[in-house]
Amino acid sequence: MNLHGIVSVSGKPGLWKALAQNKTGFILESLDAQKTKLVANLSTAKLAALDEITIFSYDEDILLKDVFARMKTAASVPDAKADGTKLRQFFREVAPDHDEEKVYASDMKKIVSWYNILKDMPLFSEEPAVAEAETATEAPAQPAPKLKAEKAKPVAEKAKPVSKGKAKPTIVAKRGA
C-alpha cells in the first residue's frame, strides 16, 4: 500500500494528493471524482501525511497503513456513520491494542471514511516506491573500516599584527541634512 503524497487537510473534507510544492505551501488535488485543485498555505492550513499518521497504543503506536492492511482483510467494514460502539468493536479487531481512552469515536470515523475513499484506488494495492523496496531487500551495508585517529598536535597561536597607523574614522552621511 502506497500512501506517499496523500494528505488530509484540516477544515477540508476528504483526502488530497500533493502534486507540487511552492514557496508558501502545496498544490493539492482531491481524490474524489471532481479532482478539485487547492493551494494549501502552510501558515494557515494543517496537513497530515497519511504515511506518517499513527494511532495511540498501549505499547508502540500503530501505523495507519498497518490498520488499513488489517481492514482490507477484515470480513466487513462498518459504515463511517455507524455508532461509536460498533466502530469500537471493529477497531478492537483491526487494532487490538489501541488505547481506548485516547482514540475517540471521531478518530475511528475519520479512519473508516479514509479507508472507504482509498480502498478502490490503484495506489491502495500498489507497493511502496521502488527505491524503498530495494533498500529493504538489500543486505545491510558493511560498516566502514575504522581509521586510526591522529593525535591532535598543539598549534602555536600567532599574535595578530596590530596596525601602527591611526584608525580611519567612519563617516556616516545623513540624507536631507
C-alpha atoms as a PDB file:
ATOM      1  CA  MET A   1       0.000   0.000   0.000  1.00  0.00           C
ATOM      2  CA  ASN A   2       1.492   3.289  -1.114  1.00  0.00           C
ATOM      3  CA  LEU A   3       0.202   6.260   0.871  1.00  0.00           C
ATOM      4  CA  HIS A   4       3.089   8.547  -0.063  1.00  0.00           C
ATOM      5  CA  GLY A   5       1.845  12.003  -1.070  1.00  0.00           C
ATOM      6  CA  ILE A   6      -1.694  11.507   0.290  1.00  0.00           C
ATOM      7  CA  VAL A   7      -2.636  14.128   2.885  1.00  0.00           C
ATOM      8  CA  SER A   8      -5.550  15.254   4.971  1.00  0.00           C
ATOM      9  CA  VAL A   9      -6.146  18.995   5.230  1.00  0.00           C
ATOM     10  CA  SER A  10      -7.711  20.396   8.378  1.00  0.00           C
ATOM     11  CA  GLY A  11     -11.053  22.017   7.635  1.00  0.00           C
ATOM     12  CA  LYS A  12     -11.392  20.301   4.241  1.00  0.00           C
ATOM     13  CA  PRO A  13     -13.327  17.063   3.738  1.00  0.00           C
ATOM     14  CA  GLY A  14     -11.800  14.031   2.058  1.00  0.00           C
ATOM     15  CA  LEU A  15      -8.237  13.235   1.118  1.00  0.00           C
ATOM     16  CA  TRP A  16      -5.849  15.114  -1.138  1.00  0.00           C
ATOM     17  CA  LYS A  17      -2.861  14.202  -3.269  1.00  0.00           C
ATOM     18  CA  ALA A  18       0.160  16.501  -3.160  1.00  0.00           C
ATOM     19  CA  LEU A  19       1.027  17.457  -6.732  1.00  0.00           C
ATOM     20  CA  ALA A  20       3.732  20.064  -6.215  1.00  0.00           C
ATOM     21  CA  GLN A  21       5.239  22.394  -3.667  1.00  0.00           C
ATOM     22  CA  ASN A  22       5.643  26.144  -3.985  1.00  0.00           C
ATOM     23  CA  LYS A  23       7.162  28.802  -1.720  1.00  0.00           C
ATOM     24  CA  THR A  24       4.173  29.119   0.564  1.00  0.00           C
ATOM     25  CA  GLY A  25       2.717  25.617   0.610  1.00  0.00           C
ATOM     26  CA  PHE A  26       1.484  22.745  -1.522  1.00  0.00           C
ATOM     27  CA  ILE A  27      -0.668  22.366  -4.600  1.00  0.00           C
ATOM     28  CA  LEU A  28      -3.180  19.609  -3.862  1.00  0.00           C
ATOM     29  CA  GLU A  29      -5.741  17.663  -5.868  1.00  0.00           C
ATOM     30  CA  SER A  30      -8.753  15.970  -4.291  1.00  0.00           C
ATOM     31  CA  LEU A  31      -9.040  12.199  -4.610  1.00  0.00           C
ATOM     32  CA  ASP A  32     -12.748  12.308  -5.412  1.00  0.00           C
ATOM     33  CA  ALA A  33     -14.236  12.323  -8.907  1.00  0.00           C
ATOM     34  CA  GLN A  34     -14.237  16.133  -9.141  1.00  0.00           C
ATOM     35  CA  LYS A  35     -10.415  16.436  -8.955  1.00  0.00           C
ATOM     36  CA  THR A  36     -10.613  19.849  -7.301  1.00  0.00           C
ATOM     37  CA  LYS A  37      -7.321  21.739  -7.076  1.00  0.00           C
ATOM     38  CA  LEU A  38      -6.314  23.537  -3.873  1.00  0.00           C
ATOM     39  CA  VAL A  39      -3.324  25.613  -2.842  1.00  0.00           C
ATOM     40  CA  ALA A  40      -2.710  24.892   0.842  1.00  0.00           C
ATOM     41  CA  ASN A  41      -0.766  27.640   2.582  1.00  0.00           C
ATOM     42  CA  LEU A  42       1.492  26.173   5.272  1.00  0.00           C
ATOM     43  CA  SER A  43       0.986  29.155   7.557  1.00  0.00           C
ATOM     44  CA  THR A  44      -2.797  28.713   7.696  1.00  0.00           C
ATOM     45  CA  ALA A  45      -3.572  25.050   6.838  1.00  0.00           C
ATOM     46  CA  LYS A  46      -2.545  21.963   8.749  1.00  0.00           C
ATOM     47  CA  LEU A  47      -1.571  18.996   6.594  1.00  0.00           C
ATOM     48  CA  ALA A  48      -1.255  15.429   7.855  1.00  0.00           C
ATOM     49  CA  ALA A  49       0.500  12.900   5.619  1.00  0.00           C
ATOM     50  CA  LEU A  50      -1.243   9.520   5.851  1.00  0.00           C
ATOM     51  CA  ASP A  51       2.010   7.572   5.690  1.00  0.00           C
ATOM     52  CA  GLU A  52       3.151   9.306   8.902  1.00  0.00           C
ATOM     53  CA  ILE A  53      -0.065   9.037  10.936  1.00  0.00           C
ATOM     54  CA  THR A  54      -0.039   6.672  13.889  1.00  0.00           C
ATOM     55  CA  ILE A  55      -2.755   5.521  16.275  1.00  0.00           C
ATOM     56  CA  PHE A  56      -2.225   5.621  20.025  1.00  0.00           C
ATOM     57  CA  SER A  57      -1.491   2.255  21.582  1.00  0.00           C
ATOM     58  CA  TYR A  58      -0.529   0.926  24.985  1.00  0.00           C
ATOM     59  CA  ASP A  59       2.880  -0.284  23.786  1.00  0.00           C
ATOM     60  CA  GLU A  60       4.007   1.218  20.481  1.00  0.00           C
ATOM     61  CA  ASP A  61       1.962   3.466  18.239  1.00  0.00           C
ATOM     62  CA  ILE A  62       0.282   1.652  15.348  1.00  0.00           C
ATOM     63  CA  LEU A  63       0.941   2.877  11.804  1.00  0.00           C
ATOM     64  CA  LEU A  64      -2.173   3.840   9.870  1.00  0.00           C
ATOM     65  CA  LYS A  65      -1.092   1.770   6.870  1.00  0.00           C
ATOM     66  CA  ASP A  66      -0.954  -1.323   9.117  1.00  0.00           C
ATOM     67  CA  VAL A  67      -4.531  -0.664  10.263  1.00  0.00           C
ATOM     68  CA  PHE A  68      -5.599  -0.204   6.622  1.00  0.00           C
ATOM     69  CA  ALA A  69      -3.972  -3.544   5.737  1.00  0.00           C
ATOM     70  CA  ARG A  70      -5.924  -5.262   8.525  1.00  0.00           C
ATOM     71  CA  MET A  71      -9.109  -3.501   7.437  1.00  0.00           C
ATOM     72  CA  LYS A  72      -8.528  -4.837   3.923  1.00  0.00           C
ATOM     73  CA  THR A  73      -8.543  -8.417   5.227  1.00  0.00           C
ATOM     74  CA  ALA A  74     -11.471  -7.868   7.622  1.00  0.00           C
ATOM     75  CA  ALA A  75     -14.768  -9.584   6.887  1.00  0.00           C
ATOM     76  CA  SER A  76     -16.815  -6.388   6.851  1.00  0.00           C
ATOM     77  CA  VAL A  77     -16.015  -2.741   7.459  1.00  0.00           C
ATOM     78  CA  PRO A  78     -18.742  -0.734   9.218  1.00  0.00           C
ATOM     79  CA  ASP A  79     -20.097   2.455   7.733  1.00  0.00           C
ATOM     80  CA  ALA A  80     -18.299   5.637   8.777  1.00  0.00           C
ATOM     81  CA  LYS A  81     -21.605   6.919  10.157  1.00  0.00           C
ATOM     82  CA  ALA A  82     -22.081   3.901  12.446  1.00  0.00           C
ATOM     83  CA  ASP A  83     -22.379   4.473  16.168  1.00  0.00           C
ATOM     84  CA  GLY A  84     -19.323   4.517  18.403  1.00  0.00           C
ATOM     85  CA  THR A  85     -19.857   1.056  19.915  1.00  0.00           C
ATOM     86  CA  LYS A  86     -19.818  -0.677  16.509  1.00  0.00           C
ATOM     87  CA  LEU A  87     -16.708   1.250  15.497  1.00  0.00           C
ATOM     88  CA  ARG A  88     -15.011   0.416  18.808  1.00  0.00           C
ATOM     89  CA  GLN A  89     -15.738  -3.311  18.325  1.00  0.00           C
ATOM     90  CA  PHE A  90     -14.346  -3.127  14.799  1.00  0.00           C
ATOM     91  CA  PHE A  91     -11.214  -1.330  15.987  1.00  0.00           C
ATOM     92  CA  ARG A  92     -10.667  -3.995  18.638  1.00  0.00           C
ATOM     93  CA  GLU A  93     -10.329  -6.426  15.702  1.00  0.00           C
ATOM     94  CA  VAL A  94      -8.105  -4.371  13.388  1.00  0.00           C
ATOM     95  CA  ALA A  95      -6.066  -2.573  16.062  1.00  0.00           C
ATOM     96  CA  PRO A  96      -6.412  -4.789  19.133  1.00  0.00           C
ATOM     97  CA  ASP A  97      -4.021  -2.888  21.387  1.00  0.00           C
ATOM     98  CA  HIS A  98      -5.150   0.672  20.580  1.00  0.00           C
ATOM     99  CA  ASP A  99      -5.544   2.994  23.560  1.00  0.00           C
ATOM    100  CA  GLU A 100      -9.305   3.263  24.024  1.00  0.00           C
ATOM    101  CA  GLU A 101      -9.019   6.404  26.153  1.00  0.00           C
ATOM    102  CA  LYS A 102      -7.025   8.345  23.561  1.00  0.00           C
ATOM    103  CA  VAL A 103      -8.622   7.072  20.329  1.00  0.00           C
ATOM    104  CA  TYR A 104     -12.019   8.752  20.095  1.00  0.00           C
ATOM    105  CA  ALA A 105     -15.049   7.751  18.033  1.00  0.00           C
ATOM    106  CA  SER A 106     -14.428  10.747  15.751  1.00  0.00           C
ATOM    107  CA  ASP A 107     -10.927   9.420  15.016  1.00  0.00           C
ATOM    108  CA  MET A 108     -12.300   5.988  14.165  1.00  0.00           C
ATOM    109  CA  LYS A 109     -14.967   7.508  11.892  1.00  0.00           C
ATOM    110  CA  LYS A 110     -12.290   9.500  10.090  1.00  0.00           C
ATOM    111  CA  ILE A 111     -10.095   6.425   9.572  1.00  0.00           C
ATOM    112  CA  VAL A 112     -13.025   4.367   8.254  1.00  0.00           C
ATOM    113  CA  SER A 113     -14.038   7.170   5.875  1.00  0.00           C
ATOM    114  CA  TRP A 114     -10.428   7.446   4.628  1.00  0.00           C
ATOM    115  CA  TYR A 115     -10.383   3.680   4.084  1.00  0.00           C
ATOM    116  CA  ASN A 116     -13.606   3.880   2.073  1.00  0.00           C
ATOM    117  CA  ILE A 117     -12.059   6.590  -0.132  1.00  0.00           C
ATOM    118  CA  LEU A 118      -8.805   4.693  -0.697  1.00  0.00           C
ATOM    119  CA  LYS A 119      -9.912   1.046  -0.957  1.00  0.00           C
ATOM    120  CA  ASP A 120     -10.853   1.174  -4.660  1.00  0.00           C
ATOM    121  CA  MET A 121      -7.873   3.225  -5.806  1.00  0.00           C
ATOM    122  CA  PRO A 122      -4.901   1.598  -7.536  1.00  0.00           C
ATOM    123  CA  LEU A 123      -2.436   3.201  -5.118  1.00  0.00           C
ATOM    124  CA  PHE A 124      -4.051   1.268  -2.274  1.00  0.00           C
ATOM    125  CA  SER A 125      -2.991  -2.059  -3.768  1.00  0.00           C
ATOM    126  CA  GLU A 126       0.397  -0.965  -5.137  1.00  0.00           C
ATOM    127  CA  GLU A 127       3.625  -1.431  -3.256  1.00  0.00           C
ATOM    128  CA  PRO A 128       5.643   1.469  -1.804  1.00  0.00           C
ATOM    129  CA  ALA A 129       8.093   3.284  -4.050  1.00  0.00           C
ATOM    130  CA  VAL A 130      10.677   1.102  -5.776  1.00  0.00           C
ATOM    131  CA  ALA A 131      13.612   2.777  -4.014  1.00  0.00           C
ATOM    132  CA  GLU A 132      12.151   1.957  -0.597  1.00  0.00           C
ATOM    133  CA  ALA A 133      11.513  -1.653  -1.602  1.00  0.00           C
ATOM    134  CA  GLU A 134      15.055  -2.121  -2.945  1.00  0.00           C
ATOM    135  CA  THR A 135      16.700  -0.793   0.189  1.00  0.00           C
ATOM    136  CA  ALA A 136      14.553  -3.070   2.329  1.00  0.00           C
ATOM    137  CA  THR A 137      15.540  -6.206   0.378  1.00  0.00           C
ATOM    138  CA  GLU A 138      19.254  -5.476   0.103  1.00  0.00           C
ATOM    139  CA  ALA A 139      21.702  -6.924   2.589  1.00  0.00           C
ATOM    140  CA  PRO A 140      22.735  -4.494   5.285  1.00  0.00           C
ATOM    141  CA  ALA A 141      25.757  -2.421   4.362  1.00  0.00           C
ATOM    142  CA  GLN A 142      29.058  -3.411   5.915  1.00  0.00           C
ATOM    143  CA  PRO A 143      30.447  -0.917   8.380  1.00  0.00           C
ATOM    144  CA  ALA A 144      33.230   1.315   7.143  1.00  0.00           C
ATOM    145  CA  PRO A 145      36.719   0.325   8.300  1.00  0.00           C
ATOM    146  CA  LYS A 146      37.877   2.213  11.336  1.00  0.00           C
ATOM    147  CA  LEU A 147      40.665   4.668  10.721  1.00  0.00           C
ATOM    148  CA  LYS A 148      43.378   5.395  13.216  1.00  0.00           C
ATOM    149  CA  ALA A 149      42.717   8.641  14.960  1.00  0.00           C
ATOM    150  CA  GLU A 150      45.539  11.111  14.652  1.00  0.00           C
ATOM    151  CA  LYS A 151      46.711  12.807  17.768  1.00  0.00           C
ATOM    152  CA  ALA A 152      45.917  16.465  17.837  1.00  0.00           C
ATOM    153  CA  LYS A 153      49.118  18.436  17.685  1.00  0.00           C
ATOM    154  CA  PRO A 154      49.169  21.682  19.598  1.00  0.00           C
ATOM    155  CA  VAL A 155      49.441  24.645  17.277  1.00  0.00           C
ATOM    156  CA  ALA A 156      51.323  27.696  18.484  1.00  0.00           C
ATOM    157  CA  GLU A 157      48.978  30.628  18.336  1.00  0.00           C
ATOM    158  CA  LYS A 158      50.326  33.551  16.432  1.00  0.00           C
ATOM    159  CA  ALA A 159      49.596  37.012  17.626  1.00  0.00           C
ATOM    160  CA  LYS A 160      47.623  39.099  15.192  1.00  0.00           C
ATOM    161  CA  PRO A 161      49.543  42.034  13.842  1.00  0.00           C
ATOM    162  CA  VAL A 162      48.354  45.369  15.166  1.00  0.00           C
ATOM    163  CA  SER A 163      48.231  48.240  12.702  1.00  0.00           C
ATOM    164  CA  LYS A 164      50.552  51.005  13.708  1.00  0.00           C
ATOM    165  CA  GLY A 165      48.720  53.790  11.927  1.00  0.00           C
ATOM    166  CA  LYS A 166      45.654  55.661  13.084  1.00  0.00           C
ATOM    167  CA  ALA A 167      42.325  54.046  12.613  1.00  0.00           C
ATOM    168  CA  LYS A 168      40.318  55.692   9.862  1.00  0.00           C
ATOM    169  CA  PRO A 169      37.219  57.453  11.147  1.00  0.00           C
ATOM    170  CA  THR A 170      33.915  56.176   9.903  1.00  0.00           C
ATOM    171  CA  ILE A 171      31.833  58.865   8.252  1.00  0.00           C
ATOM    172  CA  VAL A 172      28.082  58.493   8.279  1.00  0.00           C
ATOM    173  CA  ALA A 173      26.303  60.748   5.824  1.00  0.00           C
ATOM    174  CA  LYS A 174      22.842  61.911   6.672  1.00  0.00           C
ATOM    175  CA  ARG A 175      20.473  62.429   3.830  1.00  0.00           C
ATOM    176  CA  GLY A 176      18.399  65.531   3.677  1.00  0.00           C
ATOM    177  CA  ALA A 177      20.568  67.456   6.091  1.00  0.00           C
END
